[in-house]
Amino acid sequence: MQFLEESNRLYLEEDGKAYAEITWSNAGETVMIVDHTFVDDAHRGQGLAQQLVEAVADKARADGKKIMPLCPFAKKEFETKSMYEDVWKK
């Protein structure tokens, strides 16, 4: 699955409408603040939200950035999965 990227968001779309997305804002040059994760009701239960968090973490790694997860879902993922330790700005 390939997420699309534009304007500080990664997303999936169908018929021109996003049905899953994660968004962030930049705090300086080295920190991404993840503020929102969304999956449309019709697409829930497929692990898309977890995949979005993983994808934004991969982006942060590639860009040499850290993430402050303000979104409650992303924050829980960071708190419960050690795979995000390297990009977590605590």
PDB file of N, CA and C in Angstrom:
ATOM      1  N   MET A   1       0.850  -1.187   0.000  1.00  0.00           N
ATOM      2  CA  MET A   1       0.000   0.000   0.000  1.00  0.00           C
ATOM      3  C   MET A   1       0.886   1.236   0.000  1.00  0.00           C
ATOM      4  N   GLN A   2       0.609   2.139  -0.871  1.00  0.00           N
ATOM      5  CA  GLN A   2       1.384   3.365  -0.994  1.00  0.00           C
ATOM      6  C   GLN A   2       0.528   4.554  -0.569  1.00  0.00           C
ATOM      7  N   PHE A   3       0.979   5.240   0.482  1.00  0.00           N
ATOM      8  CA  PHE A   3       0.268   6.438   0.925  1.00  0.00           C
ATOM      9  C   PHE A   3       0.663   7.612   0.053  1.00  0.00           C
ATOM     10  N   LEU A   4      -0.287   8.476  -0.224  1.00  0.00           N
ATOM     11  CA  LEU A   4      -0.026   9.720  -0.939  1.00  0.00           C
ATOM     12  C   LEU A   4       0.419  10.756   0.081  1.00  0.00           C
ATOM     13  N   GLU A   5       1.198  11.730  -0.360  1.00  0.00           N
ATOM     14  CA  GLU A   5       1.659  12.777   0.549  1.00  0.00           C
ATOM     15  C   GLU A   5       1.427  14.139  -0.065  1.00  0.00           C
ATOM     16  N   GLU A   6       0.903  15.044   0.752  1.00  0.00           N
ATOM     17  CA  GLU A   6       0.768  16.439   0.336  1.00  0.00           C
ATOM     18  C   GLU A   6       0.490  17.300   1.547  1.00  0.00           C
ATOM     19  N   SER A   7       1.043  18.475   1.566  1.00  0.00           N
ATOM     20  CA  SER A   7       0.762  19.475   2.600  1.00  0.00           C
ATOM     21  C   SER A   7       0.742  18.905   4.015  1.00  0.00           C
ATOM     22  N   ASN A   8       1.838  18.294   4.422  1.00  0.00           N
ATOM     23  CA  ASN A   8       1.961  17.760   5.783  1.00  0.00           C
ATOM     24  C   ASN A   8       0.904  16.727   6.128  1.00  0.00           C
ATOM     25  N   ARG A   9       0.616  15.853   5.199  1.00  0.00           N
ATOM     26  CA  ARG A   9      -0.280  14.735   5.480  1.00  0.00           C
ATOM     27  C   ARG A   9       0.043  13.554   4.581  1.00  0.00           C
ATOM     28  N   LEU A  10      -0.196  12.379   5.131  1.00  0.00           N
ATOM     29  CA  LEU A  10      -0.154  11.137   4.368  1.00  0.00           C
ATOM     30  C   LEU A  10      -1.582  10.634   4.328  1.00  0.00           C
ATOM     31  N   TYR A  11      -2.012  10.103   3.182  1.00  0.00           N
ATOM     32  CA  TYR A  11      -3.416   9.711   3.079  1.00  0.00           C
ATOM     33  C   TYR A  11      -3.635   8.662   1.997  1.00  0.00           C
ATOM     34  N   LEU A  12      -4.821   8.069   2.060  1.00  0.00           N
ATOM     35  CA  LEU A  12      -5.329   7.176   1.023  1.00  0.00           C
ATOM     36  C   LEU A  12      -6.613   7.791   0.515  1.00  0.00           C
ATOM     37  N   GLU A  13      -6.865   7.679  -0.777  1.00  0.00           N
ATOM     38  CA  GLU A  13      -8.100   8.249  -1.304  1.00  0.00           C
ATOM     39  C   GLU A  13      -8.795   7.284  -2.239  1.00  0.00           C
ATOM     40  N   GLU A  14     -10.083   7.514  -2.356  1.00  0.00           N
ATOM     41  CA  GLU A  14     -10.937   6.732  -3.239  1.00  0.00           C
ATOM     42  C   GLU A  14     -11.915   7.703  -3.865  1.00  0.00           C
ATOM     43  N   ASP A  15     -12.028   7.689  -5.163  1.00  0.00           N
ATOM     44  CA  ASP A  15     -12.912   8.613  -5.883  1.00  0.00           C
ATOM     45  C   ASP A  15     -12.637  10.076  -5.519  1.00  0.00           C
ATOM     46  N   GLY A  16     -11.355  10.396  -5.340  1.00  0.00           N
ATOM     47  CA  GLY A  16     -10.977  11.775  -5.057  1.00  0.00           C
ATOM     48  C   GLY A  16     -11.196  12.224  -3.630  1.00  0.00           C
ATOM     49  N   LYS A  17     -11.597  11.311  -2.743  1.00  0.00           N
ATOM     50  CA  LYS A  17     -11.862  11.695  -1.354  1.00  0.00           C
ATOM     51  C   LYS A  17     -10.988  10.865  -0.417  1.00  0.00           C
ATOM     52  N   ALA A  18     -10.312  11.550   0.517  1.00  0.00           N
ATOM     53  CA  ALA A  18      -9.457  10.853   1.479  1.00  0.00           C
ATOM     54  C   ALA A  18     -10.317  10.037   2.433  1.00  0.00           C
ATOM     55  N   TYR A  19      -9.942   8.781   2.626  1.00  0.00           N
ATOM     56  CA  TYR A  19     -10.661   7.940   3.579  1.00  0.00           C
ATOM     57  C   TYR A  19      -9.777   7.514   4.754  1.00  0.00           C
ATOM     58  N   ALA A  20      -8.506   7.842   4.695  1.00  0.00           N
ATOM     59  CA  ALA A  20      -7.588   7.596   5.805  1.00  0.00           C
ATOM     60  C   ALA A  20      -6.475   8.629   5.704  1.00  0.00           C
ATOM     61  N   GLU A  21      -6.127   9.262   6.840  1.00  0.00           N
ATOM     62  CA  GLU A  21      -5.069  10.261   6.793  1.00  0.00           C
ATOM     63  C   GLU A  21      -4.441  10.476   8.159  1.00  0.00           C
ATOM     64  N   ILE A  22      -3.217  10.957   8.119  1.00  0.00           N
ATOM     65  CA  ILE A  22      -2.522  11.412   9.314  1.00  0.00           C
ATOM     66  C   ILE A  22      -1.922  12.760   8.949  1.00  0.00           C
ATOM     67  N   THR A  23      -2.009  13.722   9.855  1.00  0.00           N
ATOM     68  CA  THR A  23      -1.516  15.062   9.570  1.00  0.00           C
ATOM     69  C   THR A  23      -0.537  15.506  10.647  1.00  0.00           C
ATOM     70  N   TRP A  24       0.317  16.440  10.279  1.00  0.00           N
ATOM     71  CA  TRP A  24       1.293  16.980  11.216  1.00  0.00           C
ATOM     72  C   TRP A  24       1.611  18.422  10.848  1.00  0.00           C
ATOM     73  N   SER A  25       2.199  19.114  11.806  1.00  0.00           N
ATOM     74  CA  SER A  25       2.760  20.433  11.544  1.00  0.00           C
ATOM     75  C   SER A  25       4.232  20.359  11.923  1.00  0.00           C
ATOM     76  N   ASN A  26       5.006  21.240  11.368  1.00  0.00           N
ATOM     77  CA  ASN A  26       6.435  21.253  11.650  1.00  0.00           C
ATOM     78  C   ASN A  26       6.728  22.272  12.742  1.00  0.00           C
ATOM     79  N   ALA A  27       7.523  21.829  13.715  1.00  0.00           N
ATOM     80  CA  ALA A  27       7.977  22.724  14.776  1.00  0.00           C
ATOM     81  C   ALA A  27       9.478  22.895  14.566  1.00  0.00           C
ATOM     82  N   GLY A  28       9.826  23.889  13.815  1.00  0.00           N
ATOM     83  CA  GLY A  28      11.225  24.057  13.446  1.00  0.00           C
ATOM     84  C   GLY A  28      11.601  23.071  12.348  1.00  0.00           C
ATOM     85  N   GLU A  29      12.882  22.812  12.230  1.00  0.00           N
ATOM     86  CA  GLU A  29      13.360  21.961  11.150  1.00  0.00           C
ATOM     87  C   GLU A  29      13.506  20.499  11.553  1.00  0.00           C
ATOM     88  N   THR A  30      13.368  20.196  12.856  1.00  0.00           N
ATOM     89  CA  THR A  30      13.669  18.833  13.290  1.00  0.00           C
ATOM     90  C   THR A  30      12.530  18.111  13.990  1.00  0.00           C
ATOM     91  N   VAL A  31      11.382  18.759  14.157  1.00  0.00           N
ATOM     92  CA  VAL A  31      10.277  18.130  14.889  1.00  0.00           C
ATOM     93  C   VAL A  31       8.982  18.215  14.090  1.00  0.00           C
ATOM     94  N   MET A  32       8.299  17.068  14.030  1.00  0.00           N
ATOM     95  CA  MET A  32       6.967  16.977  13.428  1.00  0.00           C
ATOM     96  C   MET A  32       5.966  16.768  14.562  1.00  0.00           C
ATOM     97  N   ILE A  33       4.908  17.550  14.598  1.00  0.00           N
ATOM     98  CA  ILE A  33       3.860  17.386  15.603  1.00  0.00           C
ATOM     99  C   ILE A  33       2.678  16.698  14.936  1.00  0.00           C
ATOM    100  N   VAL A  34       2.489  15.406  15.250  1.00  0.00           N
ATOM    101  CA  VAL A  34       1.376  14.650  14.681  1.00  0.00           C
ATOM    102  C   VAL A  34       0.121  15.036  15.464  1.00  0.00           C
ATOM    103  N   ASP A  35      -0.849  15.616  14.766  1.00  0.00           N
ATOM    104  CA  ASP A  35      -2.013  16.170  15.448  1.00  0.00           C
ATOM    105  C   ASP A  35      -3.341  15.511  15.100  1.00  0.00           C
ATOM    106  N   HIS A  36      -3.348  14.593  14.115  1.00  0.00           N
ATOM    107  CA  HIS A  36      -4.641  14.042  13.702  1.00  0.00           C
ATOM    108  C   HIS A  36      -4.434  12.739  12.931  1.00  0.00           C
ATOM    109  N   THR A  37      -5.216  11.735  13.284  1.00  0.00           N
ATOM    110  CA  THR A  37      -5.279  10.487  12.530  1.00  0.00           C
ATOM    111  C   THR A  37      -6.752  10.189  12.297  1.00  0.00           C
ATOM    112  N   PHE A  38      -7.100   9.836  11.067  1.00  0.00           N
ATOM    113  CA  PHE A  38      -8.502   9.600  10.723  1.00  0.00           C
ATOM    114  C   PHE A  38      -8.620   8.414   9.775  1.00  0.00           C
ATOM    115  N   VAL A  39      -9.601   7.561  10.031  1.00  0.00           N
ATOM    116  CA  VAL A  39      -9.978   6.497   9.110  1.00  0.00           C
ATOM    117  C   VAL A  39     -11.506   6.499   9.019  1.00  0.00           C
ATOM    118  N   ASP A  40     -12.014   6.603   7.799  1.00  0.00           N
ATOM    119  CA  ASP A  40     -13.452   6.582   7.562  1.00  0.00           C
ATOM    120  C   ASP A  40     -14.064   5.296   8.118  1.00  0.00           C
ATOM    121  N   ASP A  41     -15.286   5.402   8.625  1.00  0.00           N
ATOM    122  CA  ASP A  41     -15.968   4.250   9.219  1.00  0.00           C
ATOM    123  C   ASP A  41     -15.971   3.022   8.308  1.00  0.00           C
ATOM    124  N   ALA A  42     -16.167   3.221   7.028  1.00  0.00           N
ATOM    125  CA  ALA A  42     -16.255   2.104   6.083  1.00  0.00           C
ATOM    126  C   ALA A  42     -14.934   1.351   5.916  1.00  0.00           C
ATOM    127  N   HIS A  43     -13.823   1.959   6.368  1.00  0.00           N
ATOM    128  CA  HIS A  43     -12.506   1.342   6.197  1.00  0.00           C
ATOM    129  C   HIS A  43     -11.841   0.974   7.521  1.00  0.00           C
ATOM    130  N   ARG A  44     -12.568   1.090   8.603  1.00  0.00           N
ATOM    131  CA  ARG A  44     -11.982   0.755   9.908  1.00  0.00           C
ATOM    132  C   ARG A  44     -11.832  -0.748  10.062  1.00  0.00           C
ATOM    133  N   GLY A  45     -10.971  -1.128  10.984  1.00  0.00           N
ATOM    134  CA  GLY A  45     -10.754  -2.539  11.250  1.00  0.00           C
ATOM    135  C   GLY A  45      -9.747  -3.200  10.321  1.00  0.00           C
ATOM    136  N   GLN A  46      -9.079  -2.408   9.500  1.00  0.00           N
ATOM    137  CA  GLN A  46      -8.096  -2.944   8.552  1.00  0.00           C
ATOM    138  C   GLN A  46      -6.661  -2.599   8.955  1.00  0.00           C
ATOM    139  N   GLY A  47      -6.500  -1.947  10.103  1.00  0.00           N
ATOM    140  CA  GLY A  47      -5.165  -1.571  10.570  1.00  0.00           C
ATOM    141  C   GLY A  47      -4.592  -0.350   9.867  1.00  0.00           C
ATOM    142  N   LEU A  48      -5.450   0.427   9.211  1.00  0.00           N
ATOM    143  CA  LEU A  48      -4.955   1.582   8.460  1.00  0.00           C
ATOM    144  C   LEU A  48      -4.361   2.661   9.360  1.00  0.00           C
ATOM    145  N   ALA A  49      -4.960   2.907  10.507  1.00  0.00           N
ATOM    146  CA  ALA A  49      -4.439   3.940  11.407  1.00  0.00           C
ATOM    147  C   ALA A  49      -3.036   3.573  11.885  1.00  0.00           C
ATOM    148  N   GLN A  50      -2.834   2.305  12.237  1.00  0.00           N
ATOM    149  CA  GLN A  50      -1.507   1.864  12.657  1.00  0.00           C
ATOM    150  C   GLN A  50      -0.506   2.018  11.510  1.00  0.00           C
ATOM    151  N   GLN A  51      -0.932   1.695  10.299  1.00  0.00           N
ATOM    152  CA  GLN A  51      -0.053   1.822   9.132  1.00  0.00           C
ATOM    153  C   GLN A  51       0.305   3.282   8.859  1.00  0.00           C
ATOM    154  N   LEU A  52      -0.647   4.182   9.105  1.00  0.00           N
ATOM    155  CA  LEU A  52      -0.372   5.607   8.937  1.00  0.00           C
ATOM    156  C   LEU A  52       0.675   6.084   9.935  1.00  0.00           C
ATOM    157  N   VAL A  53       0.544   5.660  11.190  1.00  0.00           N
ATOM    158  CA  VAL A  53       1.524   6.054  12.211  1.00  0.00           C
ATOM    159  C   VAL A  53       2.901   5.510  11.834  1.00  0.00           C
ATOM    160  N   GLU A  54       2.942   4.279  11.403  1.00  0.00           N
ATOM    161  CA  GLU A  54       4.220   3.687  10.992  1.00  0.00           C
ATOM    162  C   GLU A  54       4.819   4.442   9.805  1.00  0.00           C
ATOM    163  N   ALA A  55       3.980   4.820   8.854  1.00  0.00           N
ATOM    164  CA  ALA A  55       4.458   5.543   7.671  1.00  0.00           C
ATOM    165  C   ALA A  55       4.995   6.927   8.028  1.00  0.00           C
ATOM    166  N   VAL A  56       4.330   7.620   8.940  1.00  0.00           N
ATOM    167  CA  VAL A  56       4.825   8.952   9.309  1.00  0.00           C
ATOM    168  C   VAL A  56       6.110   8.818  10.123  1.00  0.00           C
ATOM    169  N   ALA A  57       6.248   7.751  10.904  1.00  0.00           N
ATOM    170  CA  ALA A  57       7.505   7.507  11.625  1.00  0.00           C
ATOM    171  C   ALA A  57       8.630   7.220  10.633  1.00  0.00           C
ATOM    172  N   ASP A  58       8.343   6.438   9.595  1.00  0.00           N
ATOM    173  CA  ASP A  58       9.344   6.172   8.558  1.00  0.00           C
ATOM    174  C   ASP A  58       9.755   7.462   7.851  1.00  0.00           C
ATOM    175  N   LYS A  59       8.792   8.338   7.606  1.00  0.00           N
ATOM    176  CA  LYS A  59       9.097   9.622   6.985  1.00  0.00           C
ATOM    177  C   LYS A  59      10.002  10.446   7.891  1.00  0.00           C
ATOM    178  N   ALA A  60       9.688  10.471   9.177  1.00  0.00           N
ATOM    179  CA  ALA A  60      10.521  11.224  10.126  1.00  0.00           C
ATOM    180  C   ALA A  60      11.950  10.676  10.129  1.00  0.00           C
ATOM    181  N   ARG A  61      12.080   9.363  10.138  1.00  0.00           N
ATOM    182  CA  ARG A  61      13.422   8.751  10.101  1.00  0.00           C
ATOM    183  C   ARG A  61      14.174   9.183   8.836  1.00  0.00           C
ATOM    184  N   ALA A  62      13.501   9.095   7.707  1.00  0.00           N
ATOM    185  CA  ALA A  62      14.135   9.441   6.434  1.00  0.00           C
ATOM    186  C   ALA A  62      14.542  10.910   6.385  1.00  0.00           C
ATOM    187  N   ASP A  63      13.752  11.759   7.040  1.00  0.00           N
ATOM    188  CA  ASP A  63      14.014  13.198   7.032  1.00  0.00           C
ATOM    189  C   ASP A  63      14.884  13.649   8.200  1.00  0.00           C
ATOM    190  N   GLY A  64      15.275  12.715   9.077  1.00  0.00           N
ATOM    191  CA  GLY A  64      16.099  13.059  10.237  1.00  0.00           C
ATOM    192  C   GLY A  64      15.361  13.892  11.267  1.00  0.00           C
ATOM    193  N   LYS A  65      14.071  13.588  11.457  1.00  0.00           N
ATOM    194  CA  LYS A  65      13.243  14.366  12.392  1.00  0.00           C
ATOM    195  C   LYS A  65      12.737  13.496  13.535  1.00  0.00           C
ATOM    196  N   LYS A  66      12.223  14.167  14.555  1.00  0.00           N
ATOM    197  CA  LYS A  66      11.564  13.519  15.696  1.00  0.00           C
ATOM    198  C   LYS A  66      10.082  13.871  15.632  1.00  0.00           C
ATOM    199  N   ILE A  67       9.262  13.075  16.329  1.00  0.00           N
ATOM    200  CA  ILE A  67       7.809  13.283  16.330  1.00  0.00           C
ATOM    201  C   ILE A  67       7.310  13.535  17.739  1.00  0.00           C
ATOM    202  N   MET A  68       6.472  14.558  17.869  1.00  0.00           N
ATOM    203  CA  MET A  68       5.693  14.783  19.089  1.00  0.00           C
ATOM    204  C   MET A  68       4.275  14.328  18.752  1.00  0.00           C
ATOM    205  N   PRO A  69       3.827  13.197  19.298  1.00  0.00           N
ATOM    206  CA  PRO A  69       2.494  12.687  18.965  1.00  0.00           C
ATOM    207  C   PRO A  69       1.410  13.300  19.853  1.00  0.00           C
ATOM    208  N   LEU A  70       0.772  14.358  19.390  1.00  0.00           N
ATOM    209  CA  LEU A  70      -0.311  14.983  20.152  1.00  0.00           C
ATOM    210  C   LEU A  70      -1.651  14.309  19.891  1.00  0.00           C
ATOM    211  N   CYS A  71      -1.824  13.730  18.731  1.00  0.00           N
ATOM    212  CA  CYS A  71      -3.035  12.982  18.405  1.00  0.00           C
ATOM    213  C   CYS A  71      -3.146  11.817  19.399  1.00  0.00           C
ATOM    214  N   PRO A  72      -4.298  11.640  20.045  1.00  0.00           N
ATOM    215  CA  PRO A  72      -4.439  10.559  21.039  1.00  0.00           C
ATOM    216  C   PRO A  72      -4.114   9.168  20.494  1.00  0.00           C
ATOM    217  N   PHE A  73      -4.513   8.874  19.266  1.00  0.00           N
ATOM    218  CA  PHE A  73      -4.221   7.556  18.713  1.00  0.00           C
ATOM    219  C   PHE A  73      -2.718   7.373  18.510  1.00  0.00           C
ATOM    220  N   ALA A  74      -2.083   8.357  17.881  1.00  0.00           N
ATOM    221  CA  ALA A  74      -0.644   8.270  17.639  1.00  0.00           C
ATOM    222  C   ALA A  74       0.116   8.216  18.962  1.00  0.00           C
ATOM    223  N   LYS A  75      -0.324   8.986  19.932  1.00  0.00           N
ATOM    224  CA  LYS A  75       0.339   8.986  21.240  1.00  0.00           C
ATOM    225  C   LYS A  75       0.291   7.600  21.868  1.00  0.00           C
ATOM    226  N   LYS A  76      -0.859   6.938  21.794  1.00  0.00           N
ATOM    227  CA  LYS A  76      -0.983   5.594  22.358  1.00  0.00           C
ATOM    228  C   LYS A  76      -0.066   4.614  21.624  1.00  0.00           C
ATOM    229  N   GLU A  77       0.019   4.737  20.303  1.00  0.00           N
ATOM    230  CA  GLU A  77       0.914   3.878  19.532  1.00  0.00           C
ATOM    231  C   GLU A  77       2.368   4.076  19.988  1.00  0.00           C
ATOM    232  N   PHE A  78       2.762   5.315  20.176  1.00  0.00           N
ATOM    233  CA  PHE A  78       4.131   5.608  20.604  1.00  0.00           C
ATOM    234  C   PHE A  78       4.381   5.083  22.021  1.00  0.00           C
ATOM    235  N   GLU A  79       3.383   5.183  22.884  1.00  0.00           N
ATOM    236  CA  GLU A  79       3.546   4.731  24.263  1.00  0.00           C
ATOM    237  C   GLU A  79       3.603   3.212  24.385  1.00  0.00           C
ATOM    238  N   THR A  80       2.986   2.497  23.466  1.00  0.00           N
ATOM    239  CA  THR A  80       2.880   1.045  23.604  1.00  0.00           C
ATOM    240  C   THR A  80       3.778   0.245  22.662  1.00  0.00           C
ATOM    241  N   LYS A  81       4.444   0.896  21.730  1.00  0.00           N
ATOM    242  CA  LYS A  81       5.284   0.181  20.768  1.00  0.00           C
ATOM    243  C   LYS A  81       6.702   0.754  20.771  1.00  0.00           C
ATOM    244  N   SER A  82       7.644  -0.083  21.138  1.00  0.00           N
ATOM    245  CA  SER A  82       9.040   0.364  21.240  1.00  0.00           C
ATOM    246  C   SER A  82       9.648   0.734  19.887  1.00  0.00           C
ATOM    247  N   MET A  83       9.023   0.325  18.804  1.00  0.00           N
ATOM    248  CA  MET A  83       9.566   0.623  17.475  1.00  0.00           C
ATOM    249  C   MET A  83       9.613   2.118  17.157  1.00  0.00           C
ATOM    250  N   TYR A  84       8.954   2.932  17.988  1.00  0.00           N
ATOM    251  CA  TYR A  84       8.946   4.377  17.747  1.00  0.00           C
ATOM    252  C   TYR A  84       9.897   5.149  18.658  1.00  0.00           C
ATOM    253  N   GLU A  85      10.607   4.463  19.539  1.00  0.00           N
ATOM    254  CA  GLU A  85      11.509   5.123  20.483  1.00  0.00           C
ATOM    255  C   GLU A  85      12.500   6.057  19.795  1.00  0.00           C
ATOM    256  N   ASP A  86      13.033   5.634  18.653  1.00  0.00           N
ATOM    257  CA  ASP A  86      14.069   6.417  17.981  1.00  0.00           C
ATOM    258  C   ASP A  86      13.576   7.738  17.389  1.00  0.00           C
ATOM    259  N   VAL A  87      12.271   7.856  17.163  1.00  0.00           N
ATOM    260  CA  VAL A  87      11.751   9.104  16.582  1.00  0.00           C
ATOM    261  C   VAL A  87      10.843   9.878  17.530  1.00  0.00           C
ATOM    262  N   TRP A  88      10.694   9.394  18.759  1.00  0.00           N
ATOM    263  CA  TRP A  88       9.789  10.020  19.722  1.00  0.00           C
ATOM    264  C   TRP A  88      10.479  11.180  20.420  1.00  0.00           C
ATOM    265  N   LYS A  89       9.951  12.373  20.234  1.00  0.00           N
ATOM    266  CA  LYS A  89      10.418  13.586  20.929  1.00  0.00           C
ATOM    267  C   LYS A  89       9.605  13.689  22.212  1.00  0.00           C
ATOM    268  N   LYS A  90      10.235  13.299  23.310  1.00  0.00           N
ATOM    269  CA  LYS A  90       9.527  13.292  24.611  1.00  0.00           C
ATOM    270  C   LYS A  90       9.657  14.620  25.318  1.00  0.00           C
TER     271      LYS A  90
END
